[in-house]
Amino acid sequence: MTGSVRVLRHPAPTGIDPAAHELILTAIHQRRLLRFLYKGKPRIVEPQDYGVQKGVVNLFTYQVGGESGSGRLPDWRKFAVNGAAGLELLDRTFPGSRAVPSQRHQEWDILFARVASS
């Protein structure tokens, strides 16, 4: 098939709700914001990377709204997916990947998805 790209879908990792897994993948592939609660605080994020680090399924994001427990917004945040409640795919989109400062670069054991460049 000339000119087409095949996206491989990984099944949900053990312990992750398959619906949440698909929602995160959709948000990354469609460059759509996600809203959820994490440690009791509302978060609105641009999902950038989704994968496994040292056995933990994480979502690396650029948080643009909601509340933060550790500083100013917007800023880079990583969330353990098991700790995110009420995941919601928003209609609002974002341009794509952002330049990640070197001190925030993430190493992944397994990478399920990464947002495409703008």
Protein backbone atom coordinates (compact mmCIF):
# COMPACT_ATOMS: atom_id res chain seq x y z
CA MET A 1 0.00 0.00 0.00
CA THR A 2 1.83 3.06 -1.24
CA GLY A 3 1.60 6.17 0.90
CA SER A 4 -0.20 4.61 3.85
CA VAL A 5 1.09 4.09 7.34
CA ARG A 6 0.07 1.12 9.43
CA VAL A 7 -0.35 1.85 13.11
CA LEU A 8 0.22 -1.18 15.30
CA ARG A 9 -2.08 -1.35 18.30
CA HIS A 10 -0.68 -2.89 21.45
CA PRO A 11 -3.12 -4.65 23.76
CA ALA A 12 -3.63 -3.01 27.15
CA PRO A 13 -0.84 -3.91 29.54
CA THR A 14 -1.65 -6.04 32.57
CA GLY A 15 -3.51 -4.04 35.20
CA ILE A 16 -4.59 -1.24 32.83
CA ASP A 17 -8.24 -0.87 31.86
CA PRO A 18 -8.48 -1.62 28.10
CA ALA A 19 -10.88 1.33 27.60
CA ALA A 20 -8.41 3.72 29.27
CA HIS A 21 -5.58 2.27 27.16
CA GLU A 22 -7.51 2.87 23.92
CA LEU A 23 -8.52 6.36 25.04
CA ILE A 24 -4.87 7.33 25.66
CA LEU A 25 -3.80 5.90 22.31
CA THR A 26 -6.60 7.81 20.56
CA ALA A 27 -5.64 11.05 22.30
CA ILE A 28 -2.02 10.69 21.20
CA HIS A 29 -2.79 9.71 17.61
CA GLN A 30 -5.43 12.44 17.20
CA ARG A 31 -3.48 15.05 19.23
CA ARG A 32 -6.39 15.65 21.59
CA LEU A 33 -6.27 16.84 25.17
CA LEU A 34 -7.08 14.51 28.05
CA ARG A 35 -8.78 15.39 31.33
CA PHE A 36 -8.58 13.22 34.45
CA LEU A 37 -8.16 13.27 38.21
CA TYR A 38 -4.79 12.40 39.69
CA LYS A 39 -4.18 12.42 43.44
CA GLY A 40 -7.54 14.16 43.79
CA LYS A 41 -6.62 17.05 41.50
CA PRO A 42 -8.09 17.75 38.05
CA ARG A 43 -5.53 17.65 35.23
CA ILE A 44 -5.75 18.72 31.59
CA VAL A 45 -2.83 17.49 29.52
CA GLU A 46 -1.31 17.18 26.07
CA PRO A 47 -0.30 13.49 26.05
CA GLN A 48 3.19 13.13 24.58
CA ASP A 49 4.50 9.61 25.36
CA TYR A 50 2.77 6.52 26.71
CA GLY A 51 4.65 3.43 27.78
CA VAL A 52 6.32 1.36 30.47
CA GLN A 53 9.21 2.51 32.64
CA LYS A 54 10.68 0.13 35.20
CA GLY A 55 7.48 -1.91 35.25
CA VAL A 56 5.14 1.11 35.66
CA VAL A 57 2.75 2.18 32.89
CA ASN A 58 3.24 5.95 32.59
CA LEU A 59 1.86 8.83 30.58
CA PHE A 60 4.35 11.66 29.94
CA THR A 61 2.48 14.90 29.31
CA TYR A 62 2.61 18.64 29.00
CA GLN A 63 0.03 19.71 31.58
CA VAL A 64 -1.82 22.82 30.40
CA GLY A 65 -4.69 23.08 32.86
CA GLY A 66 -6.29 21.91 36.04
CA GLU A 67 -4.25 21.83 39.23
CA SER A 68 -0.73 20.77 40.07
CA GLY A 69 0.60 19.37 43.28
CA SER A 70 4.17 20.34 42.47
CA GLY A 71 4.51 23.72 40.82
CA ARG A 72 3.40 26.05 38.09
CA LEU A 73 1.48 25.30 34.93
CA PRO A 74 1.95 24.71 32.13
CA ASP A 75 4.79 22.26 32.69
CA TRP A 76 5.93 18.71 32.04
CA ARG A 77 4.34 15.99 34.18
CA LYS A 78 4.49 12.20 34.26
CA PHE A 79 1.54 10.23 35.60
CA ALA A 80 1.22 6.57 36.56
CA VAL A 81 -1.77 5.50 34.48
CA ASN A 82 -3.17 3.37 37.32
CA GLY A 83 -3.49 6.57 39.38
CA ALA A 84 -5.54 8.45 36.76
CA ALA A 85 -9.31 8.40 37.34
CA GLY A 86 -12.14 9.46 35.04
CA LEU A 87 -10.07 9.73 31.87
CA GLU A 88 -11.91 11.87 29.33
CA LEU A 89 -10.95 12.64 25.73
CA LEU A 90 -11.57 16.32 24.98
CA ASP A 91 -12.50 17.81 21.62
CA ARG A 92 -9.70 20.38 21.87
CA THR A 93 -6.57 19.48 19.92
CA PHE A 94 -2.94 20.55 20.23
CA PRO A 95 -0.29 21.02 17.52
CA GLY A 96 1.87 17.97 18.29
CA SER A 97 5.11 17.14 20.01
CA ARG A 98 7.00 19.72 22.03
CA ALA A 99 10.73 20.06 22.54
CA VAL A 100 11.51 18.28 25.79
CA PRO A 101 14.24 19.86 27.95
CA SER A 102 17.15 17.45 28.36
CA GLN A 103 16.55 17.06 32.11
CA ARG A 104 12.98 15.92 31.35
CA HIS A 105 13.87 13.39 28.62
CA GLN A 106 12.22 10.00 29.27
CA GLU A 107 13.71 6.55 28.74
CA TRP A 108 11.13 3.85 27.99
CA ASP A 109 11.31 0.07 28.37
CA ILE A 110 8.25 -0.19 26.10
CA LEU A 111 6.78 2.75 24.19
CA PHE A 112 3.15 2.25 23.10
CA ALA A 113 2.73 5.64 21.43
CA ARG A 114 4.42 9.01 20.92
CA VAL A 115 2.69 12.10 19.61
CA ALA A 116 3.74 13.10 16.10
CA SER A 117 5.53 16.34 15.30
CA SER A 118 3.46 19.35 14.37
